[in-house]
C-alpha atoms as a PDB file:
ATOM      1  CA  MET A   1     104.304  -0.807-196.495  1.00  0.00           C
ATOM      2  CA  PRO A   2     103.945  -3.808-198.840  1.00  0.00           C
ATOM      3  CA  ASN A   3     101.197  -3.793-201.456  1.00  0.00           C
ATOM      4  CA  VAL A   4      97.848  -4.760-199.927  1.00  0.00           C
ATOM      5  CA  LYS A   5      95.008  -5.695-202.284  1.00  0.00           C
ATOM      6  CA  CYS A   6      91.548  -4.385-201.404  1.00  0.00           C
ATOM      7  CA  SER A   7      88.367  -4.878-203.410  1.00  0.00           C
ATOM      8  CA  VAL A   8      86.229  -2.612-201.177  1.00  0.00           C
ATOM      9  CA  THR A   9      85.895   0.297-203.596  1.00  0.00           C
ATOM     10  CA  GLU A  10      83.726   2.225-201.087  1.00  0.00           C
ATOM     11  CA  CYS A  11      86.758   2.694-198.813  1.00  0.00           C
ATOM     12  CA  LYS A  12      88.566   6.048-198.936  1.00  0.00           C
ATOM     13  CA  TRP A  13      91.949   4.259-198.743  1.00  0.00           C
ATOM     14  CA  ASN A  14      91.284   2.176-201.880  1.00  0.00           C
ATOM     15  CA  ASN A  15      93.180   3.363-204.954  1.00  0.00           C
ATOM     16  CA  SER A  16      93.072   1.073-208.006  1.00  0.00           C
ATOM     17  CA  ILE A  17      92.227  -1.992-205.865  1.00  0.00           C
ATOM     18  CA  GLU A  18      95.183  -1.315-203.525  1.00  0.00           C
ATOM     19  CA  CYS A  19      95.045  -0.115-199.926  1.00  0.00           C
ATOM     20  CA  HIS A  20      96.866   3.198-199.430  1.00  0.00           C
ATOM     21  CA  ALA A  21      96.149   3.636-195.707  1.00  0.00           C
ATOM     22  CA  PRO A  22      99.111   4.739-193.577  1.00  0.00           C
ATOM     23  CA  MET A  23      98.535   1.642-191.382  1.00  0.00           C
ATOM     24  CA  ILE A  24      96.133  -1.295-191.336  1.00  0.00           C
ATOM     25  CA  GLN A  25      94.307  -2.681-188.318  1.00  0.00           C
ATOM     26  CA  VAL A  26      92.520  -6.025-188.524  1.00  0.00           C
ATOM     27  CA  ASP A  27      90.480  -7.399-185.618  1.00  0.00           C
ATOM     28  CA  ARG A  28      88.299 -10.414-184.918  1.00  0.00           C
ATOM     29  CA  ASN A  29      84.728 -10.222-186.136  1.00  0.00           C
ATOM     30  CA  GLY A  30      83.049 -11.242-182.899  1.00  0.00           C
ATOM     31  CA  SER A  31      84.434 -13.238-180.023  1.00  0.00           C
ATOM     32  CA  GLY A  32      86.710 -16.249-179.891  1.00  0.00           C
ATOM     33  CA  ASN A  33      89.647 -17.194-182.063  1.00  0.00           C
ATOM     34  CA  ALA A  34      89.575 -16.550-185.797  1.00  0.00           C
ATOM     35  CA  SER A  35      90.152 -19.627-187.948  1.00  0.00           C
ATOM     36  CA  ASN A  36      89.407 -18.065-191.370  1.00  0.00           C
ATOM     37  CA  SER A  37      89.211 -14.629-193.013  1.00  0.00           C
ATOM     38  CA  ASP A  38      85.398 -14.467-192.630  1.00  0.00           C
ATOM     39  CA  GLN A  39      85.965 -14.223-188.874  1.00  0.00           C
ATOM     40  CA  THR A  40      88.051 -11.042-189.205  1.00  0.00           C
ATOM     41  CA  LYS A  41      87.312  -7.430-190.121  1.00  0.00           C
ATOM     42  CA  CYS A  42      89.293  -4.418-191.312  1.00  0.00           C
ATOM     43  CA  ASP A  43      89.031  -1.609-188.753  1.00  0.00           C
ATOM     44  CA  THR A  44      90.952   0.727-191.098  1.00  0.00           C
ATOM     45  CA  PHE A  45      87.916   1.004-193.429  1.00  0.00           C
ATOM     46  CA  ARG A  46      86.589   4.543-193.895  1.00  0.00           C
ATOM     47  CA  THR A  47      83.739   5.462-196.254  1.00  0.00           C
ATOM     48  CA  LYS A  48      84.648   7.731-199.181  1.00  0.00           C
END
């Protein structure tokens, strides 16, 4: 998997500001079409 930056230090997959999850799932944050990153969310997030 390519390097994926992540600044969410509370996530168990974060290691030195890089995501080390085996896969990443990103969904819309609400309904409708996303037109910017604020309208998306990372479903891979897990609390440390």
